[in-house]
Amino acid sequence: MMKALISVTGLDSTGIIARVATRLSEMNINILDITQTILGGYFTMMMVVDLDGANLSFEEIDKALQPVRDEMKMAIHIQRMDIFDAMHRI
């Protein structure tokens, strides 16, 4: 299974989880795990997603998240889980 870690941060507003989850669903990306919190008015969310069913390449997925970044004024980062795991094994 090819997994990725997606982080979402920015000022809290209504619909952030729904908007990000909807865009991922449109790309056939399954959310495996999710955590979110609000810290001092800032929304933070981490998601582990399954990219196996995605109909786009990793780079295309990142680009496809740009409209959500712009619309919600959020920082959204996607990182391959295998790279993330390797960084933390060193």
N, C-alpha and C. Protein backbone atom coordinates (compact mmCIF):
# COMPACT_ATOMS: atom_id res chain seq x y z
N MET A 1 0.84 -1.18 0.00
CA MET A 1 0.00 0.00 0.00
C MET A 1 0.88 1.24 0.00
N MET A 2 0.62 2.14 -0.92
CA MET A 2 1.36 3.41 -0.96
C MET A 2 0.60 4.43 -0.13
N LYS A 3 1.23 4.88 0.95
CA LYS A 3 0.60 5.83 1.86
C LYS A 3 1.29 7.19 1.76
N ALA A 4 0.53 8.22 2.16
CA ALA A 4 1.08 9.57 2.24
C ALA A 4 0.58 10.22 3.52
N LEU A 5 1.33 11.20 3.98
CA LEU A 5 0.96 12.01 5.13
C LEU A 5 0.59 13.39 4.61
N ILE A 6 -0.60 13.85 4.95
CA ILE A 6 -1.05 15.18 4.54
C ILE A 6 -1.23 16.02 5.79
N SER A 7 -0.61 17.20 5.81
CA SER A 7 -0.81 18.14 6.92
C SER A 7 -1.54 19.36 6.39
N VAL A 8 -2.45 19.88 7.22
CA VAL A 8 -3.25 21.04 6.87
C VAL A 8 -3.19 22.00 8.05
N THR A 9 -2.77 23.23 7.81
CA THR A 9 -2.70 24.23 8.88
C THR A 9 -3.16 25.59 8.37
N GLY A 10 -3.74 26.37 9.26
CA GLY A 10 -4.16 27.73 8.92
C GLY A 10 -5.20 28.20 9.91
N LEU A 11 -5.71 29.41 9.66
CA LEU A 11 -6.75 29.95 10.54
C LEU A 11 -7.99 29.06 10.48
N ASP A 12 -8.59 28.84 11.64
CA ASP A 12 -9.76 27.99 11.71
C ASP A 12 -10.94 28.62 10.98
N SER A 13 -11.69 27.81 10.25
CA SER A 13 -12.92 28.25 9.60
C SER A 13 -13.80 27.03 9.38
N THR A 14 -15.04 27.25 9.07
CA THR A 14 -16.00 26.18 8.85
C THR A 14 -15.69 25.44 7.55
N GLY A 15 -15.75 24.12 7.58
CA GLY A 15 -15.69 23.31 6.38
C GLY A 15 -14.33 22.85 5.92
N ILE A 16 -13.29 23.05 6.71
CA ILE A 16 -11.94 22.66 6.28
C ILE A 16 -11.86 21.15 6.05
N ILE A 17 -12.28 20.37 7.04
CA ILE A 17 -12.20 18.91 6.91
C ILE A 17 -13.04 18.46 5.73
N ALA A 18 -14.24 18.98 5.61
CA ALA A 18 -15.13 18.59 4.51
C ALA A 18 -14.52 18.91 3.16
N ARG A 19 -13.93 20.09 3.02
CA ARG A 19 -13.37 20.50 1.72
C ARG A 19 -12.18 19.64 1.34
N VAL A 20 -11.28 19.39 2.28
CA VAL A 20 -10.10 18.56 2.00
C VAL A 20 -10.53 17.13 1.71
N ALA A 21 -11.41 16.58 2.54
CA ALA A 21 -11.87 15.20 2.35
C ALA A 21 -12.60 15.03 1.02
N THR A 22 -13.39 16.01 0.64
CA THR A 22 -14.10 15.95 -0.63
C THR A 22 -13.12 15.91 -1.80
N ARG A 23 -12.11 16.77 -1.75
CA ARG A 23 -11.13 16.80 -2.85
C ARG A 23 -10.38 15.48 -2.92
N LEU A 24 -10.00 14.91 -1.78
CA LEU A 24 -9.32 13.62 -1.77
C LEU A 24 -10.22 12.53 -2.35
N SER A 25 -11.48 12.55 -1.98
CA SER A 25 -12.44 11.57 -2.49
C SER A 25 -12.57 11.67 -4.01
N GLU A 26 -12.57 12.87 -4.54
CA GLU A 26 -12.66 13.08 -5.99
C GLU A 26 -11.48 12.44 -6.72
N MET A 27 -10.36 12.30 -6.02
CA MET A 27 -9.17 11.69 -6.60
C MET A 27 -9.05 10.21 -6.24
N ASN A 28 -10.11 9.68 -5.60
CA ASN A 28 -10.16 8.28 -5.19
C ASN A 28 -9.07 7.94 -4.16
N ILE A 29 -8.83 8.88 -3.25
CA ILE A 29 -7.84 8.71 -2.18
C ILE A 29 -8.60 8.45 -0.89
N ASN A 30 -8.25 7.35 -0.22
CA ASN A 30 -8.91 6.94 1.01
C ASN A 30 -8.16 7.47 2.23
N ILE A 31 -8.89 8.04 3.17
CA ILE A 31 -8.31 8.51 4.43
C ILE A 31 -8.26 7.33 5.39
N LEU A 32 -7.05 6.99 5.85
CA LEU A 32 -6.86 5.86 6.76
C LEU A 32 -6.89 6.28 8.21
N ASP A 33 -6.35 7.46 8.50
CA ASP A 33 -6.28 7.95 9.87
C ASP A 33 -6.28 9.46 9.82
N ILE A 34 -6.87 10.08 10.82
CA ILE A 34 -6.96 11.54 10.83
C ILE A 34 -6.97 12.03 12.27
N THR A 35 -6.29 13.13 12.50
CA THR A 35 -6.35 13.81 13.77
C THR A 35 -6.37 15.31 13.49
N GLN A 36 -7.12 16.03 14.29
CA GLN A 36 -7.19 17.48 14.09
C GLN A 36 -7.43 18.15 15.43
N THR A 37 -6.98 19.39 15.51
CA THR A 37 -7.19 20.17 16.71
C THR A 37 -7.14 21.65 16.34
N ILE A 38 -7.53 22.47 17.27
CA ILE A 38 -7.44 23.92 17.09
C ILE A 38 -6.54 24.44 18.21
N LEU A 39 -5.49 25.14 17.82
CA LEU A 39 -4.52 25.69 18.77
C LEU A 39 -4.52 27.21 18.62
N GLY A 40 -5.06 27.91 19.61
CA GLY A 40 -5.04 29.36 19.58
C GLY A 40 -5.67 29.96 18.32
N GLY A 41 -6.75 29.35 17.84
CA GLY A 41 -7.43 29.86 16.65
C GLY A 41 -6.88 29.31 15.34
N TYR A 42 -5.83 28.50 15.43
CA TYR A 42 -5.25 27.89 14.23
C TYR A 42 -5.66 26.43 14.16
N PHE A 43 -6.16 26.05 12.99
CA PHE A 43 -6.57 24.68 12.73
C PHE A 43 -5.35 23.88 12.30
N THR A 44 -5.21 22.68 12.85
CA THR A 44 -4.14 21.77 12.43
C THR A 44 -4.73 20.38 12.23
N MET A 45 -4.34 19.74 11.14
CA MET A 45 -4.83 18.40 10.86
C MET A 45 -3.72 17.58 10.21
N MET A 46 -3.65 16.32 10.61
CA MET A 46 -2.73 15.36 9.99
C MET A 46 -3.58 14.19 9.51
N MET A 47 -3.31 13.75 8.29
CA MET A 47 -4.05 12.64 7.71
C MET A 47 -3.07 11.64 7.13
N VAL A 48 -3.32 10.36 7.35
CA VAL A 48 -2.60 9.31 6.64
C VAL A 48 -3.58 8.81 5.59
N VAL A 49 -3.15 8.81 4.34
CA VAL A 49 -4.04 8.43 3.24
C VAL A 49 -3.44 7.29 2.42
N ASP A 50 -4.32 6.55 1.76
CA ASP A 50 -3.93 5.46 0.88
C ASP A 50 -4.02 5.96 -0.56
N LEU A 51 -2.89 5.94 -1.26
CA LEU A 51 -2.83 6.44 -2.63
C LEU A 51 -3.02 5.36 -3.68
N ASP A 52 -3.18 4.10 -3.27
CA ASP A 52 -3.25 2.99 -4.23
C ASP A 52 -4.36 3.17 -5.27
N GLY A 53 -5.50 3.69 -4.87
CA GLY A 53 -6.61 3.84 -5.81
C GLY A 53 -6.63 5.17 -6.54
N ALA A 54 -5.66 6.04 -6.23
CA ALA A 54 -5.65 7.38 -6.83
C ALA A 54 -5.54 7.31 -8.34
N ASN A 55 -6.25 8.20 -9.00
CA ASN A 55 -6.23 8.25 -10.45
C ASN A 55 -5.24 9.29 -10.98
N LEU A 56 -4.35 9.77 -10.11
CA LEU A 56 -3.34 10.77 -10.48
C LEU A 56 -1.99 10.36 -9.89
N SER A 57 -0.92 10.91 -10.47
CA SER A 57 0.42 10.69 -9.90
C SER A 57 0.55 11.51 -8.62
N PHE A 58 1.60 11.24 -7.84
CA PHE A 58 1.85 11.98 -6.60
C PHE A 58 1.94 13.47 -6.87
N GLU A 59 2.68 13.85 -7.91
CA GLU A 59 2.86 15.25 -8.26
C GLU A 59 1.54 15.89 -8.69
N GLU A 60 0.73 15.14 -9.41
CA GLU A 60 -0.58 15.65 -9.84
C GLU A 60 -1.53 15.83 -8.65
N ILE A 61 -1.42 14.95 -7.68
CA ILE A 61 -2.23 15.07 -6.46
C ILE A 61 -1.88 16.37 -5.74
N ASP A 62 -0.58 16.63 -5.59
CA ASP A 62 -0.14 17.86 -4.94
C ASP A 62 -0.69 19.08 -5.68
N LYS A 63 -0.60 19.07 -6.99
CA LYS A 63 -1.13 20.19 -7.80
C LYS A 63 -2.64 20.31 -7.67
N ALA A 64 -3.33 19.18 -7.59
CA ALA A 64 -4.79 19.18 -7.49
C ALA A 64 -5.27 19.73 -6.15
N LEU A 65 -4.40 19.75 -5.15
CA LEU A 65 -4.75 20.33 -3.85
C LEU A 65 -4.61 21.85 -3.84
N GLN A 66 -3.98 22.42 -4.87
CA GLN A 66 -3.74 23.87 -4.90
C GLN A 66 -5.02 24.71 -4.82
N PRO A 67 -6.07 24.36 -5.54
CA PRO A 67 -7.30 25.16 -5.41
C PRO A 67 -7.86 25.17 -3.98
N VAL A 68 -7.69 24.06 -3.26
CA VAL A 68 -8.15 24.00 -1.87
C VAL A 68 -7.27 24.91 -1.02
N ARG A 69 -5.95 24.87 -1.25
CA ARG A 69 -5.03 25.76 -0.53
C ARG A 69 -5.46 27.22 -0.73
N ASP A 70 -5.72 27.57 -1.98
CA ASP A 70 -6.07 28.95 -2.31
C ASP A 70 -7.42 29.35 -1.73
N GLU A 71 -8.41 28.49 -1.93
CA GLU A 71 -9.77 28.77 -1.48
C GLU A 71 -9.85 28.90 0.04
N MET A 72 -9.20 27.98 0.75
CA MET A 72 -9.29 27.95 2.21
C MET A 72 -8.18 28.76 2.89
N LYS A 73 -7.23 29.24 2.09
CA LYS A 73 -6.06 29.97 2.63
C LYS A 73 -5.35 29.13 3.69
N MET A 74 -5.08 27.86 3.32
CA MET A 74 -4.46 26.91 4.22
C MET A 74 -3.13 26.44 3.64
N ALA A 75 -2.22 26.04 4.51
CA ALA A 75 -0.99 25.37 4.08
C ALA A 75 -1.31 23.88 4.08
N ILE A 76 -1.20 23.26 2.91
CA ILE A 76 -1.47 21.82 2.78
C ILE A 76 -0.23 21.19 2.18
N HIS A 77 0.36 20.25 2.92
CA HIS A 77 1.58 19.58 2.47
C HIS A 77 1.30 18.08 2.39
N ILE A 78 1.83 17.46 1.35
CA ILE A 78 1.71 16.02 1.20
C ILE A 78 3.11 15.43 1.09
N GLN A 79 3.33 14.35 1.80
CA GLN A 79 4.64 13.71 1.83
C GLN A 79 4.44 12.20 1.77
N ARG A 80 5.24 11.54 0.96
CA ARG A 80 5.17 10.08 0.89
C ARG A 80 5.51 9.49 2.26
N MET A 81 4.74 8.55 2.69
CA MET A 81 4.93 7.95 4.00
C MET A 81 6.24 7.18 4.08
N ASP A 82 6.66 6.53 2.99
CA ASP A 82 7.92 5.78 3.04
C ASP A 82 9.10 6.72 3.28
N ILE A 83 9.07 7.90 2.70
CA ILE A 83 10.13 8.89 2.94
C ILE A 83 10.06 9.39 4.38
N PHE A 84 8.85 9.68 4.84
CA PHE A 84 8.64 10.14 6.21
C PHE A 84 9.16 9.10 7.20
N ASP A 85 8.82 7.83 6.97
CA ASP A 85 9.28 6.75 7.85
C ASP A 85 10.80 6.63 7.84
N ALA A 86 11.41 6.71 6.64
CA ALA A 86 12.86 6.59 6.51
C ALA A 86 13.57 7.72 7.25
N MET A 87 13.03 8.93 7.18
CA MET A 87 13.64 10.08 7.87
C MET A 87 13.68 9.87 9.37
N HIS A 88 12.69 9.19 9.89
CA HIS A 88 12.59 9.03 11.33
C HIS A 88 13.22 7.74 11.84
N ARG A 89 13.79 6.95 10.95
CA ARG A 89 14.53 5.76 11.35
C ARG A 89 16.00 6.09 11.57
N ILE A 90 16.44 7.19 11.02
CA ILE A 90 17.87 7.55 11.10
C ILE A 90 18.21 8.02 12.49
